[in-house]
């Protein structure tokens, strides 16, 4: 019986190490968001994505931009975690 409990403790300990790492990698995964730029309010871009959801992107001085974008344009944004890496007109 104590051997089973020991195995369970080792298993739980192992999972406690693996789960946070997996969650951190998921948060840092990159994605490209495509949609219509509805408005720009300071550093906040409001996009309606292709599924109809509103997406709020915080664009800062480190975000790469090909040119200034205007509301009404279809755009693409490269996002890693919470950070907007690049924003550009959609192709």
Protein backbone atom coordinates (compact mmCIF):
# COMPACT_ATOMS: atom_id res chain seq x y z
CA UNK A 1 0.00 0.00 0.00
CA UNK A 2 2.79 2.43 0.84
CA UNK A 3 4.42 1.69 -2.53
CA UNK A 4 1.22 2.80 -4.31
CA UNK A 5 1.12 5.99 -2.26
CA UNK A 6 4.78 6.65 -3.09
CA UNK A 7 4.07 6.24 -6.81
CA UNK A 8 1.09 8.58 -6.54
CA UNK A 9 3.21 11.23 -4.80
CA UNK A 10 5.89 10.97 -7.49
CA UNK A 11 3.25 11.20 -10.21
CA UNK A 12 1.62 14.27 -8.67
CA UNK A 13 4.99 15.94 -8.19
CA UNK A 14 5.89 15.27 -11.83
CA UNK A 15 2.61 16.74 -13.03
CA UNK A 16 3.12 19.83 -10.90
CA UNK A 17 6.33 20.45 -12.83
CA UNK A 18 4.97 19.70 -16.31
CA UNK A 19 1.63 21.54 -16.26
CA UNK A 20 2.99 25.09 -15.64
CA UNK A 21 5.55 24.62 -18.42
CA UNK A 22 2.85 23.52 -20.86
CA UNK A 23 0.66 26.46 -19.89
CA UNK A 24 3.53 28.94 -20.35
CA UNK A 25 4.24 27.59 -23.82
CA UNK A 26 0.57 27.96 -24.73
CA UNK A 27 0.61 31.60 -23.59
CA UNK A 28 3.68 32.25 -25.71
CA UNK A 29 2.33 30.66 -28.87
CA UNK A 30 2.13 32.95 -31.86
CA UNK A 31 -0.97 33.58 -33.89
CA UNK A 32 -2.06 35.80 -36.75
CA UNK A 33 -5.32 37.65 -36.28
CA UNK A 34 -7.08 38.77 -39.45
CA UNK A 35 -10.05 41.08 -39.60
CA UNK A 36 -11.49 44.51 -40.25
CA UNK A 37 -10.00 47.44 -38.36
CA UNK A 38 -12.99 49.14 -36.76
CA UNK A 39 -11.27 51.91 -34.82
CA UNK A 40 -8.00 53.19 -33.43
CA UNK A 41 -8.15 54.82 -29.99
CA UNK A 42 -4.62 55.82 -29.05
CA UNK A 43 -2.65 52.57 -28.78
CA UNK A 44 -5.77 50.38 -28.89
CA UNK A 45 -6.83 48.83 -32.20
CA UNK A 46 -10.33 47.35 -32.31
CA UNK A 47 -10.68 44.56 -34.88
CA UNK A 48 -13.66 42.49 -35.91
CA UNK A 49 -12.13 39.12 -36.77
CA UNK A 50 -13.39 36.74 -39.44
CA UNK A 51 -15.62 34.92 -36.95
CA UNK A 52 -17.32 38.19 -35.94
CA UNK A 53 -15.65 38.61 -32.53
CA UNK A 54 -14.24 41.94 -31.40
CA UNK A 55 -10.52 41.77 -30.69
CA UNK A 56 -8.69 44.52 -28.83
CA UNK A 57 -5.00 44.87 -29.62
CA UNK A 58 -2.59 47.10 -27.71
CA UNK A 59 -0.09 48.40 -30.28
CA UNK A 60 3.03 50.09 -28.87
CA UNK A 61 6.27 51.60 -30.12
CA UNK A 62 7.84 48.13 -30.47
CA UNK A 63 5.13 46.90 -32.87
CA UNK A 64 6.34 46.71 -36.49
CA UNK A 65 4.11 48.60 -38.93
CA UNK A 66 4.47 48.77 -42.70
CA UNK A 67 2.49 52.01 -42.75
CA UNK A 68 -0.24 53.83 -40.89
CA UNK A 69 -3.53 51.95 -41.00
CA UNK A 70 -6.98 53.49 -41.15
CA UNK A 71 -10.33 52.19 -39.90
CA UNK A 72 -12.17 50.19 -42.53
CA UNK A 73 -9.09 48.35 -43.74
CA UNK A 74 -8.69 44.60 -43.52
CA UNK A 75 -5.55 43.91 -41.49
CA UNK A 76 -3.37 41.12 -40.12
CA UNK A 77 -1.71 41.22 -36.71
CA UNK A 78 1.01 38.88 -35.49
CA UNK A 79 0.54 38.28 -31.77
CA UNK A 80 2.75 36.36 -29.34
CA UNK A 81 1.06 35.88 -26.01
CA UNK A 82 -0.40 39.33 -25.24
CA UNK A 83 2.15 41.26 -27.32
CA UNK A 84 1.37 42.56 -30.81
CA UNK A 85 4.59 42.01 -32.76
CA UNK A 86 3.51 43.33 -36.17
CA UNK A 87 0.44 44.81 -37.83
CA UNK A 88 -0.04 45.26 -41.57
CA UNK A 89 -2.69 45.46 -44.29
CA UNK A 90 -4.09 42.02 -45.16
CA UNK A 91 -3.06 40.41 -48.41
